[in-house]
Amino acid sequence: MRRVLVLLAVSGCATRTVRVAPGVIAVGASDLNTYGHAKVYAQDGQVATIHAKDSVEVLVRQEGDLQIPMKLTLGEMAEGCELGNECIANRVVDQRIVIKHDHYLDEDVVAKGIGFMAVGGLIGFCLAECQDEGSVGRAVGYTAAVIGGTALLFVLAVAAGGRD
């Protein structure tokens, strides 16, 4: 049973790529420089926590049309922005910067998996009872087998679904 729960939890694991505009980093500069992190709105419209130590690779506009690739921390990009001075975040050419990939447990997927397993358990129990044997061992065996099979099919379906 423990393996089934682990498979269910793994199938509910999802990844969110946090992308922000350079101007958002400039707006969050005060919190980044004071606290080391800031809560900002990512480009997917959800709140994300960014950290001053997060490292990114960006193109920075220099004099004229020259663009230089740089690897910077968000803290370095935000230096001077809160004072109204020219800062690197305002010179970044990229319109969306990939900060990090957040991993989280998708509760909807886990809930669907529990529902599938419950239906599978009910089907297994009905199969055992419909044979009119009245054997508890057979009922438990059928129920466990169908729950395991249903959980495996659910995990395979989620894996083939191509979620981000």
Protein backbone atom coordinates (compact mmCIF):
# COMPACT_ATOMS: atom_id res chain seq x y z
CA MET A 1 0.00 0.00 0.00
CA ARG A 2 2.91 2.32 0.76
CA ARG A 3 4.17 1.92 -2.82
CA VAL A 4 0.79 2.91 -4.21
CA LEU A 5 0.78 6.08 -2.09
CA VAL A 6 4.33 6.94 -3.20
CA LEU A 7 3.33 6.46 -6.85
CA LEU A 8 0.30 8.67 -6.29
CA ALA A 9 2.39 11.42 -4.70
CA VAL A 10 4.99 11.24 -7.48
CA SER A 11 2.27 11.53 -10.12
CA GLY A 12 1.07 14.71 -8.41
CA CYS A 13 4.50 16.37 -8.60
CA ALA A 14 4.37 19.38 -10.93
CA THR A 15 6.85 22.03 -12.04
CA ARG A 16 6.26 25.73 -12.51
CA THR A 17 8.79 27.82 -14.42
CA VAL A 18 9.01 31.27 -12.83
CA ARG A 19 9.51 33.97 -15.46
CA VAL A 20 9.53 37.67 -14.63
CA ALA A 21 10.01 40.85 -16.62
CA PRO A 22 13.13 42.91 -15.82
CA GLY A 23 10.92 45.81 -14.67
CA VAL A 24 9.39 43.55 -12.00
CA ILE A 25 12.86 42.97 -10.56
CA ALA A 26 13.43 46.74 -10.51
CA VAL A 27 10.12 47.25 -8.67
CA GLY A 28 11.03 44.57 -6.10
CA ALA A 29 14.55 46.01 -5.66
CA SER A 30 13.88 47.50 -2.24
CA ASP A 31 12.80 44.16 -0.74
CA LEU A 32 15.54 42.27 -2.58
CA ASN A 33 18.23 44.55 -1.20
CA THR A 34 16.75 44.84 2.32
CA TYR A 35 15.47 41.32 3.01
CA GLY A 36 17.22 39.22 0.36
CA HIS A 37 13.92 38.18 -1.23
CA ALA A 38 10.79 39.74 -2.68
CA LYS A 39 7.28 38.61 -3.60
CA VAL A 40 6.48 39.61 -7.17
CA TYR A 41 4.01 38.71 -9.87
CA ALA A 42 5.48 36.30 -12.41
CA GLN A 43 4.42 36.40 -16.05
CA ASP A 44 1.89 33.63 -15.46
CA GLY A 45 0.02 36.01 -13.12
CA GLN A 46 0.83 34.10 -9.94
CA VAL A 47 2.83 35.40 -7.00
CA ALA A 48 6.40 34.11 -6.83
CA THR A 49 9.17 34.61 -4.32
CA ILE A 50 12.47 35.62 -5.90
CA HIS A 51 15.75 35.73 -4.02
CA ALA A 52 18.68 38.13 -4.36
CA LYS A 53 21.04 35.16 -4.71
CA ASP A 54 19.13 33.66 -7.69
CA SER A 55 21.46 33.65 -10.68
CA VAL A 56 20.28 34.45 -14.22
CA GLU A 57 21.82 34.89 -17.66
CA VAL A 58 20.67 38.02 -19.49
CA LEU A 59 21.59 40.40 -22.29
CA VAL A 60 22.39 43.88 -20.97
CA ARG A 61 22.14 46.92 -23.23
CA GLN A 62 25.30 49.02 -23.30
CA GLU A 63 26.08 52.17 -25.29
CA GLY A 64 24.29 52.28 -28.61
CA ASP A 65 23.07 48.94 -29.88
CA LEU A 66 25.67 46.84 -28.06
CA GLN A 67 24.26 44.00 -25.96
CA ILE A 68 26.52 42.06 -23.63
CA PRO A 69 25.59 38.64 -22.20
CA MET A 70 26.04 38.58 -18.43
CA LYS A 71 25.49 36.12 -15.62
CA LEU A 72 24.19 38.08 -12.63
CA THR A 73 22.34 37.56 -9.40
CA LEU A 74 19.01 39.31 -8.97
CA GLY A 75 20.60 41.34 -6.17
CA GLU A 76 23.23 42.64 -8.58
CA MET A 77 20.55 43.49 -11.13
CA ALA A 78 18.51 45.37 -8.52
CA GLU A 79 21.36 47.47 -7.04
CA GLY A 80 20.43 51.15 -7.20
CA CYS A 81 16.92 50.62 -8.59
CA GLU A 82 15.15 51.62 -5.36
CA LEU A 83 17.00 54.96 -5.30
CA GLY A 84 15.77 55.89 -8.76
CA ASN A 85 19.28 55.52 -10.17
CA GLU A 86 20.11 53.71 -13.35
CA CYS A 87 20.34 50.02 -12.56
CA ILE A 88 21.13 46.93 -14.58
CA ALA A 89 17.54 45.63 -14.38
CA ASN A 90 16.38 48.63 -16.43
CA ARG A 91 18.97 47.87 -19.14
CA VAL A 92 18.15 44.18 -19.56
CA VAL A 93 17.04 43.42 -23.12
CA ASP A 94 15.22 40.14 -22.40
CA GLN A 95 11.47 40.60 -21.91
CA ARG A 96 11.15 37.59 -19.64
CA ILE A 97 13.83 36.18 -17.41
CA VAL A 98 13.66 32.58 -16.25
CA ILE A 99 14.44 32.74 -12.55
CA LYS A 100 13.85 29.18 -11.39
CA HIS A 101 11.71 26.11 -11.59
CA ASP A 102 9.41 25.58 -8.60
CA HIS A 103 8.36 22.03 -7.76
CA TYR A 104 5.11 21.51 -5.92
CA LEU A 105 2.43 18.91 -5.25
CA ASP A 106 -0.61 19.37 -7.49
CA GLU A 107 -3.55 18.66 -5.17
CA ASP A 108 -6.01 18.23 -8.05
CA VAL A 109 -4.01 15.38 -9.55
CA VAL A 110 -3.68 13.66 -6.16
CA ALA A 111 -7.42 14.01 -5.53
CA LYS A 112 -8.20 12.48 -8.92
CA GLY A 113 -5.81 9.62 -8.16
CA ILE A 114 -7.53 8.91 -4.85
CA GLY A 115 -10.87 8.89 -6.66
CA PHE A 116 -9.57 6.45 -9.26
CA MET A 117 -8.22 4.17 -6.52
CA ALA A 118 -11.53 4.27 -4.63
CA VAL A 119 -13.45 3.30 -7.75
CA GLY A 120 -10.89 0.56 -8.42
CA GLY A 121 -11.29 -0.75 -4.87
CA LEU A 122 -15.06 -0.82 -5.24
CA ILE A 123 -14.76 -2.72 -8.53
CA GLY A 124 -12.35 -5.22 -6.97
CA PHE A 125 -14.64 -5.78 -4.01
CA CYS A 126 -17.65 -6.26 -6.30
CA LEU A 127 -15.72 -8.78 -8.40
CA ALA A 128 -14.95 -10.83 -5.31
CA GLU A 129 -18.48 -10.66 -3.93
CA CYS A 130 -20.11 -11.47 -7.28
CA GLN A 131 -18.35 -14.84 -7.32
CA ASP A 132 -20.48 -15.84 -4.34
CA GLU A 133 -17.54 -17.38 -2.51
CA GLY A 134 -17.75 -15.17 0.56
CA SER A 135 -13.98 -15.49 1.04
CA VAL A 136 -12.47 -12.51 2.83
CA GLY A 137 -9.01 -13.34 1.49
CA ARG A 138 -10.26 -13.39 -2.08
CA ALA A 139 -12.13 -10.10 -1.60
CA VAL A 140 -9.01 -8.43 -0.16
CA GLY A 141 -6.86 -9.88 -2.96
CA TYR A 142 -9.16 -8.70 -5.75
CA THR A 143 -9.58 -5.30 -4.13
CA ALA A 144 -5.81 -4.81 -3.68
CA ALA A 145 -5.07 -6.01 -7.22
CA VAL A 146 -7.60 -3.69 -8.81
CA ILE A 147 -6.51 -0.71 -6.65
CA GLY A 148 -2.88 -1.36 -7.65
CA GLY A 149 -3.76 -1.70 -11.32
CA THR A 150 -5.91 1.42 -11.25
CA ALA A 151 -3.16 3.40 -9.51
CA LEU A 152 -0.62 2.22 -12.09
CA LEU A 153 -2.90 3.17 -14.99
CA PHE A 154 -3.49 6.59 -13.39
CA VAL A 155 0.24 7.24 -12.97
CA LEU A 156 0.89 6.19 -16.57
CA ALA A 157 -1.92 8.44 -17.81
CA VAL A 158 -0.54 11.42 -15.88
CA ALA A 159 2.99 10.73 -17.12
CA ALA A 160 1.77 10.58 -20.73
CA GLY A 161 -0.29 13.75 -20.27
CA GLY A 162 2.66 16.12 -20.86
CA ARG A 163 2.06 18.54 -18.00
CA ASP A 164 4.47 21.47 -17.51
